[in-house]
Amino acid sequence: ELARRIDIRCFKNDPSIKSSLAFLRKTPWARKKVEELFLG
């Protein structure tokens, strides 16, 4: 679902929660997109 809405490779290739959270912690622009999706 996230991969469809936000074009971020980790959601398509390795969509586990743990790896996605690690990616989002290190990647501010990606975290911002996800936050906007959930909060906006």
PDB file of N, CA and C in Angstrom:
ATOM      1  N   GLU A   1       0.831  -1.201   0.000  1.00  0.00           N
ATOM      2  CA  GLU A   1       0.000   0.000   0.000  1.00  0.00           C
ATOM      3  C   GLU A   1       0.870   1.257   0.000  1.00  0.00           C
ATOM      4  N   LEU A   2       1.838   1.313   0.898  1.00  0.00           N
ATOM      5  CA  LEU A   2       2.715   2.489   0.930  1.00  0.00           C
ATOM      6  C   LEU A   2       3.497   2.648  -0.367  1.00  0.00           C
ATOM      7  N   ALA A   3       3.933   1.542  -0.921  1.00  0.00           N
ATOM      8  CA  ALA A   3       4.717   1.623  -2.153  1.00  0.00           C
ATOM      9  C   ALA A   3       3.889   2.222  -3.282  1.00  0.00           C
ATOM     10  N   ARG A   4       2.594   1.974  -3.253  1.00  0.00           N
ATOM     11  CA  ARG A   4       1.729   2.506  -4.292  1.00  0.00           C
ATOM     12  C   ARG A   4       1.560   4.021  -4.124  1.00  0.00           C
ATOM     13  N   ARG A   5       1.467   4.470  -2.882  1.00  0.00           N
ATOM     14  CA  ARG A   5       1.227   5.889  -2.619  1.00  0.00           C
ATOM     15  C   ARG A   5       2.497   6.720  -2.630  1.00  0.00           C
ATOM     16  N   ILE A   6       3.573   6.146  -2.129  1.00  0.00           N
ATOM     17  CA  ILE A   6       4.840   6.870  -2.032  1.00  0.00           C
ATOM     18  C   ILE A   6       5.894   6.037  -2.740  1.00  0.00           C
ATOM     19  N   ASP A   7       6.534   6.646  -3.723  1.00  0.00           N
ATOM     20  CA  ASP A   7       7.498   5.897  -4.533  1.00  0.00           C
ATOM     21  C   ASP A   7       8.840   5.826  -3.810  1.00  0.00           C
ATOM     22  N   ILE A   8       8.923   4.913  -2.859  1.00  0.00           N
ATOM     23  CA  ILE A   8      10.155   4.716  -2.100  1.00  0.00           C
ATOM     24  C   ILE A   8      10.565   3.259  -2.253  1.00  0.00           C
ATOM     25  N   ARG A   9      11.803   3.056  -2.666  1.00  0.00           N
ATOM     26  CA  ARG A   9      12.244   1.719  -3.050  1.00  0.00           C
ATOM     27  C   ARG A   9      12.136   0.704  -1.920  1.00  0.00           C
ATOM     28  N   CYS A  10      12.427   1.108  -0.682  1.00  0.00           N
ATOM     29  CA  CYS A  10      12.441   0.119   0.403  1.00  0.00           C
ATOM     30  C   CYS A  10      11.063  -0.487   0.621  1.00  0.00           C
ATOM     31  N   PHE A  11      10.003   0.270   0.328  1.00  0.00           N
ATOM     32  CA  PHE A  11       8.661  -0.281   0.510  1.00  0.00           C
ATOM     33  C   PHE A  11       8.353  -1.329  -0.557  1.00  0.00           C
ATOM     34  N   LYS A  12       9.002  -1.206  -1.719  1.00  0.00           N
ATOM     35  CA  LYS A  12       8.745  -2.156  -2.803  1.00  0.00           C
ATOM     36  C   LYS A  12       9.635  -3.385  -2.681  1.00  0.00           C
ATOM     37  N   ASN A  13      10.914  -3.169  -2.354  1.00  0.00           N
ATOM     38  CA  ASN A  13      11.874  -4.270  -2.356  1.00  0.00           C
ATOM     39  C   ASN A  13      11.893  -5.047  -1.053  1.00  0.00           C
ATOM     40  N   ASP A  14      11.869  -4.335   0.055  1.00  0.00           N
ATOM     41  CA  ASP A  14      11.979  -5.000   1.358  1.00  0.00           C
ATOM     42  C   ASP A  14      10.992  -4.342   2.304  1.00  0.00           C
ATOM     43  N   PRO A  15       9.722  -4.688   2.181  1.00  0.00           N
ATOM     44  CA  PRO A  15       8.689  -3.927   2.892  1.00  0.00           C
ATOM     45  C   PRO A  15       8.492  -4.323   4.351  1.00  0.00           C
ATOM     46  N   SER A  16       9.501  -4.901   4.984  1.00  0.00           N
ATOM     47  CA  SER A  16       9.332  -5.231   6.396  1.00  0.00           C
ATOM     48  C   SER A  16       9.296  -3.946   7.221  1.00  0.00           C
ATOM     49  N   ILE A  17       8.571  -4.001   8.313  1.00  0.00           N
ATOM     50  CA  ILE A  17       8.407  -2.819   9.154  1.00  0.00           C
ATOM     51  C   ILE A  17       9.759  -2.341   9.682  1.00  0.00           C
ATOM     52  N   LYS A  18      10.571  -3.263  10.147  1.00  0.00           N
ATOM     53  CA  LYS A  18      11.848  -2.889  10.760  1.00  0.00           C
ATOM     54  C   LYS A  18      12.759  -2.160   9.770  1.00  0.00           C
ATOM     55  N   SER A  19      12.900  -2.691   8.573  1.00  0.00           N
ATOM     56  CA  SER A  19      13.789  -2.045   7.609  1.00  0.00           C
ATOM     57  C   SER A  19      13.216  -0.709   7.150  1.00  0.00           C
ATOM     58  N   SER A  20      11.896  -0.641   7.026  1.00  0.00           N
ATOM     59  CA  SER A  20      11.280   0.614   6.609  1.00  0.00           C
ATOM     60  C   SER A  20      11.473   1.690   7.671  1.00  0.00           C
ATOM     61  N   LEU A  21      11.319   1.320   8.935  1.00  0.00           N
ATOM     62  CA  LEU A  21      11.516   2.301  10.009  1.00  0.00           C
ATOM     63  C   LEU A  21      12.963   2.774  10.055  1.00  0.00           C
ATOM     64  N   ALA A  22      13.886   1.859   9.873  1.00  0.00           N
ATOM     65  CA  ALA A  22      15.297   2.242   9.864  1.00  0.00           C
ATOM     66  C   ALA A  22      15.564   3.212   8.721  1.00  0.00           C
ATOM     67  N   PHE A  23      14.998   2.928   7.559  1.00  0.00           N
ATOM     68  CA  PHE A  23      15.161   3.807   6.404  1.00  0.00           C
ATOM     69  C   PHE A  23      14.572   5.184   6.687  1.00  0.00           C
ATOM     70  N   LEU A  24      13.372   5.218   7.252  1.00  0.00           N
ATOM     71  CA  LEU A  24      12.713   6.500   7.500  1.00  0.00           C
ATOM     72  C   LEU A  24      13.465   7.318   8.544  1.00  0.00           C
ATOM     73  N   ARG A  25      14.071   6.655   9.510  1.00  0.00           N
ATOM     74  CA  ARG A  25      14.851   7.375  10.515  1.00  0.00           C
ATOM     75  C   ARG A  25      16.045   8.081   9.883  1.00  0.00           C
ATOM     76  N   LYS A  26      16.624   7.460   8.863  1.00  0.00           N
ATOM     77  CA  LYS A  26      17.826   8.022   8.242  1.00  0.00           C
ATOM     78  C   LYS A  26      17.497   8.964   7.089  1.00  0.00           C
ATOM     79  N   THR A  27      16.251   9.010   6.661  1.00  0.00           N
ATOM     80  CA  THR A  27      15.899   9.721   5.439  1.00  0.00           C
ATOM     81  C   THR A  27      14.780  10.721   5.705  1.00  0.00           C
ATOM     82  N   PRO A  28      15.146  11.965   6.025  1.00  0.00           N
ATOM     83  CA  PRO A  28      14.139  12.951   6.423  1.00  0.00           C
ATOM     84  C   PRO A  28      13.060  13.204   5.380  1.00  0.00           C
ATOM     85  N   TRP A  29      13.419  13.260   4.083  1.00  0.00           N
ATOM     86  CA  TRP A  29      12.389  13.556   3.080  1.00  0.00           C
ATOM     87  C   TRP A  29      11.379  12.426   2.986  1.00  0.00           C
ATOM     88  N   ALA A  30      11.837  11.206   3.145  1.00  0.00           N
ATOM     89  CA  ALA A  30      10.915  10.070   3.079  1.00  0.00           C
ATOM     90  C   ALA A  30      10.003  10.063   4.300  1.00  0.00           C
ATOM     91  N   ARG A  31      10.573  10.351   5.456  1.00  0.00           N
ATOM     92  CA  ARG A  31       9.766  10.394   6.673  1.00  0.00           C
ATOM     93  C   ARG A  31       8.696  11.474   6.560  1.00  0.00           C
ATOM     94  N   LYS A  32       9.069  12.610   5.975  1.00  0.00           N
ATOM     95  CA  LYS A  32       8.111  13.708   5.814  1.00  0.00           C
ATOM     96  C   LYS A  32       6.940  13.276   4.928  1.00  0.00           C
ATOM     97  N   LYS A  33       7.240  12.579   3.845  1.00  0.00           N
ATOM     98  CA  LYS A  33       6.170  12.114   2.954  1.00  0.00           C
ATOM     99  C   LYS A  33       5.229  11.158   3.666  1.00  0.00           C
ATOM    100  N   VAL A  34       5.795  10.242   4.434  1.00  0.00           N
ATOM    101  CA  VAL A  34       4.968   9.265   5.142  1.00  0.00           C
ATOM    102  C   VAL A  34       4.128   9.964   6.211  1.00  0.00           C
ATOM    103  N   GLU A  35       4.737  10.908   6.923  1.00  0.00           N
ATOM    104  CA  GLU A  35       3.983  11.647   7.940  1.00  0.00           C
ATOM    105  C   GLU A  35       2.840  12.423   7.308  1.00  0.00           C
ATOM    106  N   GLU A  36       3.089  13.051   6.171  1.00  0.00           N
ATOM    107  CA  GLU A  36       2.032  13.803   5.493  1.00  0.00           C
ATOM    108  C   GLU A  36       0.905  12.873   5.069  1.00  0.00           C
ATOM    109  N   LEU A  37       1.273  11.680   4.630  1.00  0.00           N
ATOM    110  CA  LEU A  37       0.259  10.720   4.207  1.00  0.00           C
ATOM    111  C   LEU A  37      -0.628  10.323   5.380  1.00  0.00           C
ATOM    112  N   PHE A  38      -0.014  10.019   6.514  1.00  0.00           N
ATOM    113  CA  PHE A  38      -0.783   9.533   7.663  1.00  0.00           C
ATOM    114  C   PHE A  38      -1.461  10.651   8.440  1.00  0.00           C
ATOM    115  N   LEU A  39      -0.778  11.786   8.575  1.00  0.00           N
ATOM    116  CA  LEU A  39      -1.320  12.863   9.400  1.00  0.00           C
ATOM    117  C   LEU A  39      -2.164  13.835   8.587  1.00  0.00           C
ATOM    118  N   GLY A  40      -1.844  13.949   7.294  1.00  0.00           N
ATOM    119  CA  GLY A  40      -2.547  14.917   6.456  1.00  0.00           C
ATOM    120  C   GLY A  40      -3.739  14.295   5.878  1.00  0.00           C
TER     121      GLY A  40
END
